[in-house]
């Protein structure tokens, strides 16, 4: 299970600093055939590899075999820009979620595509149904971290607890 629609009113922290979900409508199971390709694109080197990036877009149902070359380039560009920004926190050992510039970039990107007439003309409903949930999770989490002015947040902290655990069992979120 993964936690989605992260808001401070949907979680509690107990006396032992454990996070507790209090709105179970925010839980969703993400299948491995989505989870793997999505989080592989969180790695900067995979975002920078055009052939690999395009294969993962097909795996995530963002690109479709029937797309014209114009549609392929259009959606590849949009999703590259979006994933490059949304996965930026995963590209280093720590991240400063209090950074106003990062938060503003997310807002600007949302406005850019909300007002994009070309996107409205094309079939903009792209991607696995899980794609929107993962991105909403990150948006909610990033908002929460920004509100907390969280600086120097250790990224991939889970790795110290998964030493020797098979990759498919080690979770990123």
Protein backbone atom coordinates (compact mmCIF):
# COMPACT_ATOMS: atom_id res chain seq x y z
CA UNK A 1 0.00 0.00 0.00
CA UNK A 2 1.10 3.55 -0.64
CA UNK A 3 -0.21 6.70 1.02
CA UNK A 4 -1.79 9.28 -1.27
CA UNK A 5 -3.40 12.69 -0.96
CA UNK A 6 -1.02 13.65 1.82
CA UNK A 7 -2.43 16.37 4.06
CA UNK A 8 -1.69 17.11 7.68
CA UNK A 9 -5.33 16.40 8.63
CA UNK A 10 -5.06 12.82 7.35
CA UNK A 11 -2.10 11.70 9.46
CA UNK A 12 -1.14 11.68 13.11
CA UNK A 13 2.20 11.25 14.81
CA UNK A 14 2.15 9.17 17.99
CA UNK A 15 4.35 9.46 21.10
CA UNK A 16 7.01 7.25 19.47
CA UNK A 17 7.11 9.45 16.31
CA UNK A 18 5.28 6.86 14.19
CA UNK A 19 3.13 8.15 11.34
CA UNK A 20 -0.46 6.91 11.49
CA UNK A 21 -2.93 7.16 8.61
CA UNK A 22 -6.37 8.29 9.78
CA UNK A 23 -8.06 8.50 6.36
CA UNK A 24 -7.88 5.06 4.78
CA UNK A 25 -9.53 6.38 1.62
CA UNK A 26 -6.07 7.74 0.82
CA UNK A 27 -4.48 4.30 0.54
CA UNK A 28 -3.99 2.68 -2.80
CA UNK A 29 -2.08 -0.35 -3.96
CA UNK A 30 0.39 0.36 -6.75
CA UNK A 31 1.26 -2.61 -8.98
CA UNK A 32 4.90 -3.43 -9.63
CA UNK A 33 4.47 -2.98 -13.41
CA UNK A 34 3.81 0.71 -12.73
CA UNK A 35 5.95 1.20 -9.65
CA UNK A 36 9.15 -0.07 -11.26
CA UNK A 37 9.13 2.07 -14.43
CA UNK A 38 7.95 5.18 -12.58
CA UNK A 39 10.63 5.12 -9.93
CA UNK A 40 13.33 4.12 -12.39
CA UNK A 41 12.57 7.50 -14.00
CA UNK A 42 13.24 9.16 -10.64
CA UNK A 43 16.90 8.41 -11.29
CA UNK A 44 18.58 11.34 -13.01
CA UNK A 45 20.65 9.15 -15.35
CA UNK A 46 17.47 7.47 -16.65
CA UNK A 47 15.82 10.84 -17.30
CA UNK A 48 18.90 11.83 -19.29
CA UNK A 49 18.85 8.70 -21.47
CA UNK A 50 16.37 9.45 -24.32
CA UNK A 51 15.92 5.85 -25.50
CA UNK A 52 15.40 4.50 -21.99
CA UNK A 53 13.10 7.39 -21.10
CA UNK A 54 10.90 6.70 -24.14
CA UNK A 55 10.67 2.96 -23.34
CA UNK A 56 9.49 3.79 -19.84
CA UNK A 57 6.88 6.22 -21.21
CA UNK A 58 5.41 3.32 -23.17
CA UNK A 59 5.50 1.11 -20.07
CA UNK A 60 3.63 3.83 -18.15
CA UNK A 61 1.07 4.17 -20.98
CA UNK A 62 2.01 7.80 -21.57
CA UNK A 63 3.09 7.12 -25.13
CA UNK A 64 0.89 4.91 -27.27
CA UNK A 65 1.88 2.84 -30.33
CA UNK A 66 -0.68 4.73 -32.45
CA UNK A 67 0.77 8.18 -31.61
CA UNK A 68 1.96 10.30 -34.49
CA UNK A 69 5.58 11.54 -34.41
CA UNK A 70 4.24 14.98 -33.40
CA UNK A 71 2.25 13.50 -30.50
CA UNK A 72 5.23 11.41 -29.36
CA UNK A 73 7.51 14.44 -29.26
CA UNK A 74 4.88 16.60 -27.58
CA UNK A 75 4.13 14.14 -24.77
CA UNK A 76 7.76 13.09 -24.37
CA UNK A 77 8.66 16.75 -23.84
CA UNK A 78 5.85 17.43 -21.37
CA UNK A 79 6.54 14.37 -19.26
CA UNK A 80 10.28 14.90 -19.33
CA UNK A 81 9.81 18.41 -17.99
CA UNK A 82 7.33 17.28 -15.37
CA UNK A 83 9.30 14.24 -14.16
CA UNK A 84 12.57 16.19 -14.14
CA UNK A 85 10.99 18.63 -11.71
CA UNK A 86 8.92 16.22 -9.60
CA UNK A 87 11.82 13.80 -9.10
CA UNK A 88 14.39 16.51 -8.34
CA UNK A 89 14.34 15.69 -4.60
CA UNK A 90 15.56 12.16 -5.43
CA UNK A 91 18.63 13.39 -7.30
CA UNK A 92 20.75 14.13 -4.25
CA UNK A 93 21.52 12.88 -0.75
CA UNK A 94 19.45 15.66 0.86
CA UNK A 95 16.81 18.14 -0.31
CA UNK A 96 15.64 21.53 0.92
CA UNK A 97 11.85 21.44 0.73
CA UNK A 98 11.67 24.98 2.13
CA UNK A 99 13.12 26.26 -1.16
CA UNK A 100 10.56 28.76 -2.50
CA UNK A 101 12.00 28.52 -6.01
CA UNK A 102 11.32 24.75 -6.21
CA UNK A 103 7.79 25.24 -4.93
CA UNK A 104 7.18 28.10 -7.40
CA UNK A 105 8.45 25.94 -10.29
CA UNK A 106 5.83 23.31 -9.48
CA UNK A 107 3.08 25.95 -9.48
CA UNK A 108 4.33 27.49 -12.72
CA UNK A 109 4.46 24.11 -14.42
CA UNK A 110 0.89 23.37 -13.37
CA UNK A 111 -0.29 26.72 -14.72
CA UNK A 112 1.66 26.26 -17.96
CA UNK A 113 -0.07 22.98 -18.78
CA UNK A 114 -3.47 24.00 -17.45
CA UNK A 115 -3.44 26.81 -20.02
CA UNK A 116 -1.77 24.90 -22.87
CA UNK A 117 -4.09 24.94 -25.89
CA UNK A 118 -2.00 22.30 -27.70
CA UNK A 119 -2.53 19.91 -24.79
CA UNK A 120 -6.27 20.50 -24.98
CA UNK A 121 -6.26 19.76 -28.73
CA UNK A 122 -4.44 16.45 -28.32
CA UNK A 123 -5.67 13.53 -26.29
CA UNK A 124 -4.11 14.77 -23.06
CA UNK A 125 -5.49 11.92 -20.98
CA UNK A 126 -2.29 9.95 -20.82
CA UNK A 127 -0.72 7.47 -18.55
CA UNK A 128 -1.62 4.67 -16.27
CA UNK A 129 -4.40 5.42 -13.80
CA UNK A 130 -1.73 5.15 -11.09
CA UNK A 131 0.26 8.06 -12.53
CA UNK A 132 -2.02 10.78 -11.20
CA UNK A 133 -2.13 9.22 -7.74
CA UNK A 134 1.65 9.06 -7.44
CA UNK A 135 2.01 12.66 -8.58
CA UNK A 136 -0.73 13.84 -6.19
CA UNK A 137 1.11 12.08 -3.40
CA UNK A 138 4.31 13.92 -4.19
CA UNK A 139 2.50 17.22 -4.55
CA UNK A 140 0.83 16.75 -1.16
CA UNK A 141 4.06 15.61 0.46
CA UNK A 142 6.04 18.48 -1.06
CA UNK A 143 3.40 20.95 0.15
CA UNK A 144 3.55 19.52 3.65
CA UNK A 145 7.36 19.59 3.69
CA UNK A 146 7.34 23.17 2.34
CA UNK A 147 4.88 24.27 5.04
CA UNK A 148 7.15 22.68 7.66
CA UNK A 149 10.14 24.49 6.08
CA UNK A 150 11.93 21.13 6.03
CA UNK A 151 15.61 21.59 5.13
CA UNK A 152 18.32 19.03 4.55
CA UNK A 153 15.83 16.15 4.39
CA UNK A 154 17.75 12.90 3.91
CA UNK A 155 16.57 11.28 0.69
CA UNK A 156 16.43 7.50 0.32
CA UNK A 157 16.87 7.14 4.08
CA UNK A 158 15.14 3.77 3.74
CA UNK A 159 18.29 2.26 2.21
CA UNK A 160 19.94 1.82 5.58
CA UNK A 161 17.02 -0.42 6.60
CA UNK A 162 16.99 -2.48 3.40
CA UNK A 163 20.62 -3.58 3.16
CA UNK A 164 20.55 -7.06 1.64
CA UNK A 165 16.82 -6.91 0.84
CA UNK A 166 15.89 -7.80 -2.78
CA UNK A 167 15.28 -4.64 -4.84
CA UNK A 168 11.58 -5.36 -5.42
CA UNK A 169 11.01 -5.49 -1.65
CA UNK A 170 12.84 -2.22 -0.89
CA UNK A 171 10.35 0.63 -1.20
CA UNK A 172 11.10 4.16 -2.31
CA UNK A 173 8.03 5.87 -0.89
